[in-house]
Amino acid sequence: MKRLTVTLFVAMFSLGLYAQGDSGAFGAPPPIPNEYGKCYAKCKTPDVYETVTSQVLVDGGKANTTTTKATYDTVTEQVLVKDGYRKLKIVPAKFETSEQRVLSSDGTCSIKVIPAKYETQTSKELVSGASGKWVRKKKAPNCLSANPEDCYVLCWEEIPAQYRNNSTRILVEGERIDTTYTEAKYTTIKTQRLVEPARVEEEYVPPVYKTVTKKVLVNCGGATTTYSEAKYKTVTNKVLVSQGTFTEWTEVVCAGDVSSSLITQVQTALNSRGYDAGTADGVMGARTRAALAKFQQDNGLPLGNLNISTMQALGVR
């Protein structure tokens, strides 16, 4: 019995599986086997959780109010500034302008006496005829004396005839009468002749309009509120369905029989079945324990130890 308890403790410690509670949890011991060297164990089954997917509120949504401005339309219209009216209009008389020559001064006749014209003619009248006289000269060229008085020279020289001028008026053009006529002078004057008398007409003055551009309200505007939906996040939680309990007594590989060779066989068998136990190095590491537990769970085998049922399922002796 002591060996059975030690073996069970060593097996569970080496696997690092589920902890046991107090000794009262085991209850009665397993039935006595028909041969020695067998080991039995009770392992606590894991708590059963159920994966529950729920929607968690992330954003409660909000209201967004958008304000729109009033809109206007530009309208152009004609506004009466001044009424039309009727007024009297004087149409002036019409005249026709014509030109007329009017005698401004009569022609004249003037008589002018033009005196006779005379010409003065000068003539020479002989007073005395030509004569000769002796004229004493000083120092004749042929006188040998130095004194010019020593030579007495007389020269017979001509005295020209003497004349006197006589002026005589000779009639060139006789006296005559010159008659001058001046033409009559005329002045051109403009005269107006009435063609159409003045009259009064009635004239209509149309009204005066002014183009005015103004803004007309089309839409008063307002506020539009939009609501954004609440946002949820899908959250997956594990919910405890039932707490783990202890299994029935199950035959396990005794601690003395757990060797590196055995663990290598278990690792090889798990890897070949698609359970990643890591490298088959004969060491019961965390990776190997996780693969073994997954294999037991998938195949409905006792959990938590190297039990005989698991070894048979893996084909390991």
C-alpha atoms as a PDB file:
ATOM      1  CA  MET A   1       0.000   0.000   0.000  1.00  0.00           C
ATOM      2  CA  LYS A   2       2.906   2.268   0.826  1.00  0.00           C
ATOM      3  CA  ARG A   3       4.468   1.510  -2.550  1.00  0.00           C
ATOM      4  CA  LEU A   4       1.160   2.227  -4.321  1.00  0.00           C
ATOM      5  CA  THR A   5       0.819   5.624  -2.666  1.00  0.00           C
ATOM      6  CA  VAL A   6       4.435   6.623  -3.386  1.00  0.00           C
ATOM      7  CA  THR A   7       4.169   5.434  -6.962  1.00  0.00           C
ATOM      8  CA  LEU A   8       0.968   7.445  -7.479  1.00  0.00           C
ATOM      9  CA  PHE A   9       2.525  10.552  -5.993  1.00  0.00           C
ATOM     10  CA  VAL A  10       5.655  10.244  -8.102  1.00  0.00           C
ATOM     11  CA  ALA A  11       3.645   9.696 -11.291  1.00  0.00           C
ATOM     12  CA  MET A  12       1.470  12.732 -10.754  1.00  0.00           C
ATOM     13  CA  PHE A  13       4.414  14.906  -9.739  1.00  0.00           C
ATOM     14  CA  SER A  14       6.448  13.873 -12.778  1.00  0.00           C
ATOM     15  CA  LEU A  15       3.552  14.690 -15.150  1.00  0.00           C
ATOM     16  CA  GLY A  16       2.863  18.008 -13.460  1.00  0.00           C
ATOM     17  CA  LEU A  17      -0.849  17.439 -13.854  1.00  0.00           C
ATOM     18  CA  TYR A  18      -3.821  18.217 -11.649  1.00  0.00           C
ATOM     19  CA  ALA A  19      -3.351  18.770  -7.974  1.00  0.00           C
ATOM     20  CA  GLN A  20      -5.251  16.676  -5.552  1.00  0.00           C
ATOM     21  CA  GLY A  21      -7.123  17.896  -2.564  1.00  0.00           C
ATOM     22  CA  ASP A  22      -6.946  16.382   0.858  1.00  0.00           C
ATOM     23  CA  SER A  23      -6.802  12.607   1.352  1.00  0.00           C
ATOM     24  CA  GLY A  24     -10.536  12.484   1.879  1.00  0.00           C
ATOM     25  CA  ALA A  25     -11.083  13.225  -1.801  1.00  0.00           C
ATOM     26  CA  PHE A  26      -9.775   9.848  -2.862  1.00  0.00           C
ATOM     27  CA  GLY A  27     -12.385   7.840  -0.875  1.00  0.00           C
ATOM     28  CA  ALA A  28     -11.903   4.103  -0.793  1.00  0.00           C
ATOM     29  CA  PRO A  29      -8.696   2.624  -2.296  1.00  0.00           C
ATOM     30  CA  PRO A  30      -8.797   0.775  -5.627  1.00  0.00           C
ATOM     31  CA  PRO A  31      -9.637  -2.922  -5.658  1.00  0.00           C
ATOM     32  CA  ILE A  32      -6.719  -5.194  -4.889  1.00  0.00           C
ATOM     33  CA  PRO A  33      -5.163  -6.332  -8.195  1.00  0.00           C
ATOM     34  CA  ASN A  34      -4.339  -9.975  -8.827  1.00  0.00           C
ATOM     35  CA  GLU A  35      -0.651  -9.228  -9.275  1.00  0.00           C
ATOM     36  CA  TYR A  36       1.942  -6.981  -7.761  1.00  0.00           C
ATOM     37  CA  GLY A  37       3.588  -3.998  -9.523  1.00  0.00           C
ATOM     38  CA  LYS A  38       0.429  -2.313 -10.708  1.00  0.00           C
ATOM     39  CA  CYS A  39      -0.202   1.343 -10.039  1.00  0.00           C
ATOM     40  CA  TYR A  40      -3.499   3.173  -9.931  1.00  0.00           C
ATOM     41  CA  ALA A  41      -4.267   6.865  -9.813  1.00  0.00           C
ATOM     42  CA  LYS A  42      -7.139   9.251  -9.370  1.00  0.00           C
ATOM     43  CA  CYS A  43      -6.754  12.492 -11.292  1.00  0.00           C
ATOM     44  CA  LYS A  44      -8.879  15.550 -11.033  1.00  0.00           C
ATOM     45  CA  THR A  45     -10.720  16.229 -14.254  1.00  0.00           C
ATOM     46  CA  PRO A  46     -10.440  19.811 -15.463  1.00  0.00           C
ATOM     47  CA  ASP A  47     -13.229  22.292 -15.047  1.00  0.00           C
ATOM     48  CA  VAL A  48     -15.572  22.264 -18.032  1.00  0.00           C
ATOM     49  CA  TYR A  49     -15.925  25.619 -19.728  1.00  0.00           C
ATOM     50  CA  GLU A  50     -18.223  26.624 -22.479  1.00  0.00           C
ATOM     51  CA  THR A  51     -17.204  29.243 -24.972  1.00  0.00           C
ATOM     52  CA  VAL A  52     -19.846  31.944 -24.970  1.00  0.00           C
ATOM     53  CA  THR A  53     -19.868  34.695 -27.583  1.00  0.00           C
ATOM     54  CA  SER A  54     -21.566  37.920 -26.547  1.00  0.00           C
ATOM     55  CA  GLN A  55     -21.884  41.439 -27.873  1.00  0.00           C
ATOM     56  CA  VAL A  56     -20.300  44.028 -25.651  1.00  0.00           C
ATOM     57  CA  LEU A  57     -21.292  47.666 -26.072  1.00  0.00           C
ATOM     58  CA  VAL A  58     -18.297  49.701 -27.179  1.00  0.00           C
ATOM     59  CA  ASP A  59     -19.954  52.908 -28.306  1.00  0.00           C
ATOM     60  CA  GLY A  60     -23.475  53.779 -27.241  1.00  0.00           C
ATOM     61  CA  GLY A  61     -24.029  55.818 -30.383  1.00  0.00           C
ATOM     62  CA  LYS A  62     -24.571  59.535 -30.464  1.00  0.00           C
ATOM     63  CA  ALA A  63     -26.742  62.184 -31.975  1.00  0.00           C
ATOM     64  CA  ASN A  64     -25.153  64.548 -34.474  1.00  0.00           C
ATOM     65  CA  THR A  65     -27.072  67.739 -35.154  1.00  0.00           C
ATOM     66  CA  THR A  66     -26.264  69.605 -38.363  1.00  0.00           C
ATOM     67  CA  THR A  67     -27.514  73.145 -38.724  1.00  0.00           C
ATOM     68  CA  THR A  68     -28.359  74.399 -42.199  1.00  0.00           C
ATOM     69  CA  LYS A  69     -28.405  78.104 -43.000  1.00  0.00           C
ATOM     70  CA  ALA A  70     -31.337  79.870 -44.528  1.00  0.00           C
ATOM     71  CA  THR A  71     -31.178  80.009 -48.304  1.00  0.00           C
ATOM     72  CA  TYR A  72     -32.110  83.002 -50.399  1.00  0.00           C
ATOM     73  CA  ASP A  73     -32.844  83.534 -54.066  1.00  0.00           C
ATOM     74  CA  THR A  74     -31.857  86.710 -55.914  1.00  0.00           C
ATOM     75  CA  VAL A  75     -34.882  88.261 -57.619  1.00  0.00           C
ATOM     76  CA  THR A  76     -34.780  91.196 -60.028  1.00  0.00           C
ATOM     77  CA  GLU A  77     -37.925  93.247 -60.473  1.00  0.00           C
ATOM     78  CA  GLN A  78     -39.016  96.593 -61.921  1.00  0.00           C
ATOM     79  CA  VAL A  79     -40.132  99.165 -59.338  1.00  0.00           C
ATOM     80  CA  LEU A  80     -42.202 102.206 -60.381  1.00  0.00           C
ATOM     81  CA  VAL A  81     -40.275 105.360 -59.547  1.00  0.00           C
ATOM     82  CA  LYS A  82     -42.428 107.960 -61.306  1.00  0.00           C
ATOM     83  CA  ASP A  83     -45.920 107.723 -62.805  1.00  0.00           C
ATOM     84  CA  GLY A  84     -46.512 108.497 -66.412  1.00  0.00           C
ATOM     85  CA  TYR A  85     -48.348 111.721 -67.196  1.00  0.00           C
ATOM     86  CA  ARG A  86     -49.567 113.906 -70.032  1.00  0.00           C
ATOM     87  CA  LYS A  87     -48.241 117.374 -70.700  1.00  0.00           C
ATOM     88  CA  LEU A  88     -48.972 120.155 -73.184  1.00  0.00           C
ATOM     89  CA  LYS A  89     -46.261 120.869 -75.636  1.00  0.00           C
ATOM     90  CA  ILE A  90     -46.103 124.054 -77.679  1.00  0.00           C
ATOM     91  CA  VAL A  91     -45.002 123.365 -81.194  1.00  0.00           C
ATOM     92  CA  PRO A  92     -43.469 126.607 -82.503  1.00  0.00           C
ATOM     93  CA  ALA A  93     -44.499 128.114 -85.814  1.00  0.00           C
ATOM     94  CA  LYS A  94     -42.514 127.196 -88.859  1.00  0.00           C
ATOM     95  CA  PHE A  95     -41.093 129.848 -91.119  1.00  0.00           C
ATOM     96  CA  GLU A  96     -39.484 129.697 -94.499  1.00  0.00           C
ATOM     97  CA  THR A  97     -36.419 131.838 -94.950  1.00  0.00           C
ATOM     98  CA  SER A  98     -35.809 133.549 -98.302  1.00  0.00           C
ATOM     99  CA  GLU A  99     -33.197 136.031 -99.519  1.00  0.00           C
ATOM    100  CA  GLN A 100     -33.968 139.371-101.251  1.00  0.00           C
ATOM    101  CA  ARG A 101     -31.671 142.032-102.728  1.00  0.00           C
ATOM    102  CA  VAL A 102     -32.548 145.543-101.558  1.00  0.00           C
ATOM    103  CA  LEU A 103     -31.028 148.789-102.966  1.00  0.00           C
ATOM    104  CA  SER A 104     -28.930 150.273-100.262  1.00  0.00           C
ATOM    105  CA  SER A 105     -27.393 153.157-102.213  1.00  0.00           C
ATOM    106  CA  ASP A 106     -27.986 154.610-105.714  1.00  0.00           C
ATOM    107  CA  GLY A 107     -25.283 154.805-108.307  1.00  0.00           C
ATOM    108  CA  THR A 108     -23.472 158.191-108.584  1.00  0.00           C
ATOM    109  CA  CYS A 109     -21.889 160.205-111.354  1.00  0.00           C
ATOM    110  CA  SER A 110     -18.926 162.497-110.660  1.00  0.00           C
ATOM    111  CA  ILE A 111     -17.337 164.992-113.096  1.00  0.00           C
ATOM    112  CA  LYS A 112     -13.692 165.805-112.695  1.00  0.00           C
ATOM    113  CA  VAL A 113     -11.786 168.414-114.732  1.00  0.00           C
ATOM    114  CA  ILE A 114      -8.367 167.172-115.603  1.00  0.00           C
ATOM    115  CA  PRO A 115      -6.088 170.182-116.327  1.00  0.00           C
ATOM    116  CA  ALA A 116      -3.869 170.382-119.377  1.00  0.00           C
ATOM    117  CA  LYS A 117      -0.407 168.921-119.174  1.00  0.00           C
ATOM    118  CA  TYR A 118       2.638 170.930-120.154  1.00  0.00           C
ATOM    119  CA  GLU A 119       6.209 169.953-120.744  1.00  0.00           C
ATOM    120  CA  THR A 120       9.139 172.310-120.111  1.00  0.00           C
ATOM    121  CA  GLN A 121      11.676 172.371-122.921  1.00  0.00           C
ATOM    122  CA  THR A 122      15.088 173.979-122.474  1.00  0.00           C
ATOM    123  CA  SER A 123      16.983 175.551-125.431  1.00  0.00           C
ATOM    124  CA  LYS A 124      20.381 177.388-125.709  1.00  0.00           C
ATOM    125  CA  GLU A 125      20.431 180.934-127.037  1.00  0.00           C
ATOM    126  CA  LEU A 126      23.789 182.309-128.377  1.00  0.00           C
ATOM    127  CA  VAL A 127      24.796 185.407-126.480  1.00  0.00           C
ATOM    128  CA  SER A 128      28.284 185.938-127.937  1.00  0.00           C
ATOM    129  CA  GLY A 129      30.175 184.041-130.553  1.00  0.00           C
ATOM    130  CA  ALA A 130      33.562 182.318-130.049  1.00  0.00           C
ATOM    131  CA  SER A 131      36.704 184.638-129.977  1.00  0.00           C
ATOM    132  CA  GLY A 132      40.402 184.481-129.115  1.00  0.00           C
ATOM    133  CA  LYS A 133      42.600 186.254-126.471  1.00  0.00           C
ATOM    134  CA  TRP A 134      46.137 186.317-125.261  1.00  0.00           C
ATOM    135  CA  VAL A 135      46.855 184.546-122.079  1.00  0.00           C
ATOM    136  CA  ARG A 136      50.188 185.063-120.233  1.00  0.00           C
ATOM    137  CA  LYS A 137      51.830 181.866-119.039  1.00  0.00           C
ATOM    138  CA  LYS A 138      54.553 181.337-116.415  1.00  0.00           C
ATOM    139  CA  LYS A 139      57.950 179.866-117.316  1.00  0.00           C
ATOM    140  CA  ALA A 140      57.691 178.412-120.650  1.00  0.00           C
ATOM    141  CA  PRO A 141      59.242 174.976-120.977  1.00  0.00           C
ATOM    142  CA  ASN A 142      61.870 176.317-123.314  1.00  0.00           C
ATOM    143  CA  CYS A 143      62.999 179.220-121.034  1.00  0.00           C
ATOM    144  CA  LEU A 144      66.639 178.822-119.949  1.00  0.00           C
ATOM    145  CA  SER A 145      66.459 181.224-116.989  1.00  0.00           C
ATOM    146  CA  ALA A 146      65.808 180.075-113.481  1.00  0.00           C
ATOM    147  CA  ASN A 147      63.581 183.004-112.896  1.00  0.00           C
ATOM    148  CA  PRO A 148      60.264 182.323-114.385  1.00  0.00           C
ATOM    149  CA  GLU A 149      59.660 185.998-114.763  1.00  0.00           C
ATOM    150  CA  ASP A 150      62.497 186.225-117.145  1.00  0.00           C
ATOM    151  CA  CYS A 151      60.566 184.626-119.881  1.00  0.00           C
ATOM    152  CA  TYR A 152      57.349 186.269-120.908  1.00  0.00           C
ATOM    153  CA  VAL A 153      55.079 183.940-122.788  1.00  0.00           C
ATOM    154  CA  LEU A 154      51.738 184.820-124.315  1.00  0.00           C
ATOM    155  CA  CYS A 155      49.445 182.162-125.685  1.00  0.00           C
ATOM    156  CA  TRP A 156      46.516 182.837-127.951  1.00  0.00           C
ATOM    157  CA  GLU A 157      43.631 180.851-126.551  1.00  0.00           C
ATOM    158  CA  GLU A 158      40.029 180.522-127.759  1.00  0.00           C
ATOM    159  CA  ILE A 159      37.210 182.033-125.808  1.00  0.00           C
ATOM    160  CA  PRO A 160      34.185 179.762-126.371  1.00  0.00           C
ATOM    161  CA  ALA A 161      30.867 181.135-127.465  1.00  0.00           C
ATOM    162  CA  GLN A 162      28.482 182.113-124.636  1.00  0.00           C
ATOM    163  CA  TYR A 163      24.976 180.690-124.509  1.00  0.00           C
ATOM    164  CA  ARG A 164      22.056 181.132-122.183  1.00  0.00           C
ATOM    165  CA  ASN A 165      19.332 178.581-121.359  1.00  0.00           C
ATOM    166  CA  ASN A 166      15.788 179.418-122.263  1.00  0.00           C
ATOM    167  CA  SER A 167      12.870 177.385-120.775  1.00  0.00           C
ATOM    168  CA  THR A 168       9.702 177.080-122.803  1.00  0.00           C
ATOM    169  CA  ARG A 169       6.407 175.358-121.688  1.00  0.00           C
ATOM    170  CA  ILE A 170       4.997 173.288-124.441  1.00  0.00           C
ATOM    171  CA  LEU A 171       1.388 171.956-124.257  1.00  0.00           C
ATOM    172  CA  VAL A 172       1.492 168.193-124.240  1.00  0.00           C
ATOM    173  CA  GLU A 173      -2.128 167.314-123.359  1.00  0.00           C
ATOM    174  CA  GLY A 174      -5.018 169.671-123.393  1.00  0.00           C
ATOM    175  CA  GLU A 175      -7.515 170.123-120.584  1.00  0.00           C
ATOM    176  CA  ARG A 176     -10.296 167.476-120.426  1.00  0.00           C
ATOM    177  CA  ILE A 177     -13.295 166.443-118.345  1.00  0.00           C
ATOM    178  CA  ASP A 178     -13.339 162.973-116.716  1.00  0.00           C
ATOM    179  CA  THR A 179     -16.741 161.584-115.783  1.00  0.00           C
ATOM    180  CA  THR A 180     -16.776 158.706-113.177  1.00  0.00           C
ATOM    181  CA  TYR A 181     -19.802 156.528-112.573  1.00  0.00           C
ATOM    182  CA  THR A 182     -20.311 154.417-109.352  1.00  0.00           C
ATOM    183  CA  GLU A 183     -22.713 151.486-109.487  1.00  0.00           C
ATOM    184  CA  ALA A 184     -25.709 151.204-107.234  1.00  0.00           C
ATOM    185  CA  LYS A 185     -25.182 149.046-104.095  1.00  0.00           C
ATOM    186  CA  TYR A 186     -27.562 146.294-103.076  1.00  0.00           C
ATOM    187  CA  THR A 187     -27.824 144.410 -99.753  1.00  0.00           C
ATOM    188  CA  THR A 188     -29.036 140.826 -99.476  1.00  0.00           C
ATOM    189  CA  ILE A 189     -31.539 140.485 -96.629  1.00  0.00           C
ATOM    190  CA  LYS A 190     -33.233 137.382 -95.314  1.00  0.00           C
ATOM    191  CA  THR A 191     -36.948 137.365 -94.882  1.00  0.00           C
ATOM    192  CA  GLN A 192     -39.076 134.780 -93.101  1.00  0.00           C
ATOM    193  CA  ARG A 193     -42.406 133.715 -94.400  1.00  0.00           C
ATOM    194  CA  LEU A 194     -44.863 131.908 -92.146  1.00  0.00           C
ATOM    195  CA  VAL A 195     -45.382 128.403 -93.364  1.00  0.00           C
ATOM    196  CA  GLU A 196     -47.122 126.780 -90.389  1.00  0.00           C
ATOM    197  CA  PRO A 197     -48.509 128.631 -87.381  1.00  0.00           C
ATOM    198  CA  ALA A 198     -47.665 127.631 -83.809  1.00  0.00           C
ATOM    199  CA  ARG A 199     -49.863 125.031 -82.177  1.00  0.00           C
ATOM    200  CA  VAL A 200     -50.303 123.151 -78.874  1.00  0.00           C
ATOM    201  CA  GLU A 201     -49.930 119.380 -78.716  1.00  0.00           C
ATOM    202  CA  GLU A 202     -50.536 116.905 -75.908  1.00  0.00           C
ATOM    203  CA  GLU A 203     -47.553 114.662 -75.143  1.00  0.00           C
ATOM    204  CA  TYR A 204     -47.547 111.506 -73.022  1.00  0.00           C
ATOM    205  CA  VAL A 205     -44.551 111.029 -70.744  1.00  0.00           C
ATOM    206  CA  PRO A 206     -44.178 107.310 -69.914  1.00  0.00           C
ATOM    207  CA  PRO A 207     -43.641 106.128 -66.321  1.00  0.00           C
ATOM    208  CA  VAL A 208     -40.110 105.656 -65.000  1.00  0.00           C
ATOM    209  CA  TYR A 209     -39.086 102.286 -63.595  1.00  0.00           C
ATOM    210  CA  LYS A 210     -35.982 101.242 -61.675  1.00  0.00           C
ATOM    211  CA  THR A 211     -34.515  97.747 -61.699  1.00  0.00           C
ATOM    212  CA  VAL A 212     -34.161  96.538 -58.104  1.00  0.00           C
ATOM    213  CA  THR A 213     -32.351  93.360 -57.098  1.00  0.00           C
ATOM    214  CA  LYS A 214     -33.271  91.843 -53.749  1.00  0.00           C
ATOM    215  CA  LYS A 215     -32.927  88.589 -51.865  1.00  0.00           C
ATOM    216  CA  VAL A 216     -36.027  86.504 -51.268  1.00  0.00           C
ATOM    217  CA  LEU A 217     -36.123  83.873 -48.540  1.00  0.00           C
ATOM    218  CA  VAL A 218     -36.462  80.408 -50.040  1.00  0.00           C
ATOM    219  CA  ASN A 219     -35.737  78.172 -47.082  1.00  0.00           C
ATOM    220  CA  CYS A 220     -35.552  79.175 -43.440  1.00  0.00           C
ATOM    221  CA  GLY A 221     -32.927  76.552 -42.761  1.00  0.00           C
ATOM    222  CA  GLY A 222     -33.043  74.388 -39.681  1.00  0.00           C
ATOM    223  CA  ALA A 223     -31.330  71.615 -37.853  1.00  0.00           C
ATOM    224  CA  THR A 224     -31.065  67.987 -38.880  1.00  0.00           C
ATOM    225  CA  THR A 225     -30.191  65.413 -36.292  1.00  0.00           C
ATOM    226  CA  THR A 226     -28.653  62.122 -37.339  1.00  0.00           C
ATOM    227  CA  TYR A 227     -28.103  59.270 -34.983  1.00  0.00           C
ATOM    228  CA  SER A 228     -25.192  56.915 -35.231  1.00  0.00           C
ATOM    229  CA  GLU A 229     -25.884  53.341 -34.220  1.00  0.00           C
ATOM    230  CA  ALA A 230     -24.373  51.874 -31.133  1.00  0.00           C
ATOM    231  CA  LYS A 231     -21.224  49.861 -31.763  1.00  0.00           C
ATOM    232  CA  TYR A 232     -20.736  46.450 -30.260  1.00  0.00           C
ATOM    233  CA  LYS A 233     -17.718  44.223 -30.014  1.00  0.00           C
ATOM    234  CA  THR A 234     -17.949  40.501 -30.179  1.00  0.00           C
ATOM    235  CA  VAL A 235     -16.301  39.085 -27.064  1.00  0.00           C
ATOM    236  CA  THR A 236     -15.670  35.403 -26.545  1.00  0.00           C
ATOM    237  CA  ASN A 237     -15.520  34.271 -22.931  1.00  0.00           C
ATOM    238  CA  LYS A 238     -15.180  30.920 -21.290  1.00  0.00           C
ATOM    239  CA  VAL A 239     -18.006  30.248 -18.917  1.00  0.00           C
ATOM    240  CA  LEU A 240     -17.626  27.552 -16.266  1.00  0.00           C
ATOM    241  CA  VAL A 241     -20.190  24.862 -16.927  1.00  0.00           C
ATOM    242  CA  SER A 242     -19.101  22.343 -14.324  1.00  0.00           C
ATOM    243  CA  GLN A 243     -16.233  22.139 -11.924  1.00  0.00           C
ATOM    244  CA  GLY A 244     -13.674  19.378 -12.291  1.00  0.00           C
ATOM    245  CA  THR A 245     -13.867  16.298 -10.140  1.00  0.00           C
ATOM    246  CA  PHE A 246     -11.724  13.269  -9.484  1.00  0.00           C
ATOM    247  CA  THR A 247     -11.787  10.315 -11.833  1.00  0.00           C
ATOM    248  CA  GLU A 248     -12.241   6.728 -10.816  1.00  0.00           C
ATOM    249  CA  TRP A 249      -9.140   4.714 -10.014  1.00  0.00           C
ATOM    250  CA  THR A 250      -7.290   4.216 -13.288  1.00  0.00           C
ATOM    251  CA  GLU A 251      -4.332   1.959 -13.911  1.00  0.00           C
ATOM    252  CA  VAL A 252      -1.258   4.036 -14.768  1.00  0.00           C
ATOM    253  CA  VAL A 253       2.355   3.379 -15.684  1.00  0.00           C
ATOM    254  CA  CYS A 254       4.269   3.143 -12.458  1.00  0.00           C
ATOM    255  CA  ALA A 255       6.921   5.799 -11.859  1.00  0.00           C
ATOM    256  CA  GLY A 256       9.677   3.209 -11.982  1.00  0.00           C
ATOM    257  CA  ASP A 257       8.601   2.245 -15.471  1.00  0.00           C
ATOM    258  CA  VAL A 258       8.530   5.825 -16.823  1.00  0.00           C
ATOM    259  CA  SER A 259      11.776   5.964 -18.748  1.00  0.00           C
ATOM    260  CA  SER A 260      13.237   8.214 -21.397  1.00  0.00           C
ATOM    261  CA  SER A 261      12.650   5.480 -23.960  1.00  0.00           C
ATOM    262  CA  LEU A 262       8.982   5.256 -23.029  1.00  0.00           C
ATOM    263  CA  ILE A 263       8.520   9.037 -23.285  1.00  0.00           C
ATOM    264  CA  THR A 264      10.282   8.965 -26.673  1.00  0.00           C
ATOM    265  CA  GLN A 265       7.776   6.355 -27.899  1.00  0.00           C
ATOM    266  CA  VAL A 266       4.865   8.466 -26.624  1.00  0.00           C
ATOM    267  CA  GLN A 267       6.251  11.587 -28.376  1.00  0.00           C
ATOM    268  CA  THR A 268       6.724   9.709 -31.638  1.00  0.00           C
ATOM    269  CA  ALA A 269       3.191   8.241 -31.478  1.00  0.00           C
ATOM    270  CA  LEU A 270       1.649  11.663 -30.744  1.00  0.00           C
ATOM    271  CA  ASN A 271       3.539  13.362 -33.610  1.00  0.00           C
ATOM    272  CA  SER A 272       2.485  10.643 -36.049  1.00  0.00           C
ATOM    273  CA  ARG A 273      -1.154  11.237 -35.137  1.00  0.00           C
ATOM    274  CA  GLY A 274      -0.911  14.972 -35.723  1.00  0.00           C
ATOM    275  CA  TYR A 275      -0.424  16.073 -32.120  1.00  0.00           C
ATOM    276  CA  ASP A 276       2.629  18.297 -31.921  1.00  0.00           C
ATOM    277  CA  ALA A 277       4.712  16.887 -29.047  1.00  0.00           C
ATOM    278  CA  GLY A 278       7.892  18.531 -30.296  1.00  0.00           C
ATOM    279  CA  THR A 279      11.173  16.724 -30.835  1.00  0.00           C
ATOM    280  CA  ALA A 280      11.143  13.112 -29.616  1.00  0.00           C
ATOM    281  CA  ASP A 281      13.905  13.727 -27.054  1.00  0.00           C
ATOM    282  CA  GLY A 282      12.580  11.574 -24.179  1.00  0.00           C
ATOM    283  CA  VAL A 283      11.829  14.577 -21.982  1.00  0.00           C
ATOM    284  CA  MET A 284       8.307  15.120 -20.684  1.00  0.00           C
ATOM    285  CA  GLY A 285       8.199  18.873 -21.362  1.00  0.00           C
ATOM    286  CA  ALA A 286       5.281  21.272 -21.480  1.00  0.00           C
ATOM    287  CA  ARG A 287       4.802  20.722 -25.217  1.00  0.00           C
ATOM    288  CA  THR A 288       4.604  16.960 -24.804  1.00  0.00           C
ATOM    289  CA  ARG A 289       2.193  17.224 -21.835  1.00  0.00           C
ATOM    290  CA  ALA A 290      -0.113  19.553 -23.821  1.00  0.00           C
ATOM    291  CA  ALA A 291      -0.153  17.182 -26.839  1.00  0.00           C
ATOM    292  CA  LEU A 292      -0.852  14.205 -24.581  1.00  0.00           C
ATOM    293  CA  ALA A 293      -3.741  15.949 -22.809  1.00  0.00           C
ATOM    294  CA  LYS A 294      -5.235  16.993 -26.142  1.00  0.00           C
ATOM    295  CA  PHE A 295      -5.012  13.414 -27.446  1.00  0.00           C
ATOM    296  CA  GLN A 296      -6.730  12.059 -24.310  1.00  0.00           C
ATOM    297  CA  GLN A 297      -9.494  14.644 -24.491  1.00  0.00           C
ATOM    298  CA  ASP A 298     -10.157  14.059 -28.204  1.00  0.00           C
ATOM    299  CA  ASN A 299     -10.355  10.301 -27.733  1.00  0.00           C
ATOM    300  CA  GLY A 300     -12.330  10.182 -24.458  1.00  0.00           C
ATOM    301  CA  LEU A 301      -9.420   8.694 -22.513  1.00  0.00           C
ATOM    302  CA  PRO A 302      -8.680   9.130 -18.818  1.00  0.00           C
ATOM    303  CA  LEU A 303      -6.997  12.500 -18.355  1.00  0.00           C
ATOM    304  CA  GLY A 304      -3.909  13.645 -16.571  1.00  0.00           C
ATOM    305  CA  ASN A 305      -1.432  10.784 -16.576  1.00  0.00           C
ATOM    306  CA  LEU A 306       0.336   8.070 -18.515  1.00  0.00           C
ATOM    307  CA  ASN A 307      -2.447   5.595 -18.021  1.00  0.00           C
ATOM    308  CA  ILE A 308      -2.614   2.183 -19.535  1.00  0.00           C
ATOM    309  CA  SER A 309      -5.643   3.068 -21.704  1.00  0.00           C
ATOM    310  CA  THR A 310      -3.711   5.960 -23.292  1.00  0.00           C
ATOM    311  CA  MET A 311      -0.678   3.763 -23.894  1.00  0.00           C
ATOM    312  CA  GLN A 312      -2.869   1.169 -25.617  1.00  0.00           C
ATOM    313  CA  ALA A 313      -4.513   3.887 -27.744  1.00  0.00           C
ATOM    314  CA  LEU A 314      -1.070   5.172 -28.767  1.00  0.00           C
ATOM    315  CA  GLY A 315       0.181   1.629 -29.437  1.00  0.00           C
ATOM    316  CA  VAL A 316       2.977   2.024 -26.890  1.00  0.00           C
ATOM    317  CA  ARG A 317       3.925  -0.972 -24.700  1.00  0.00           C
END
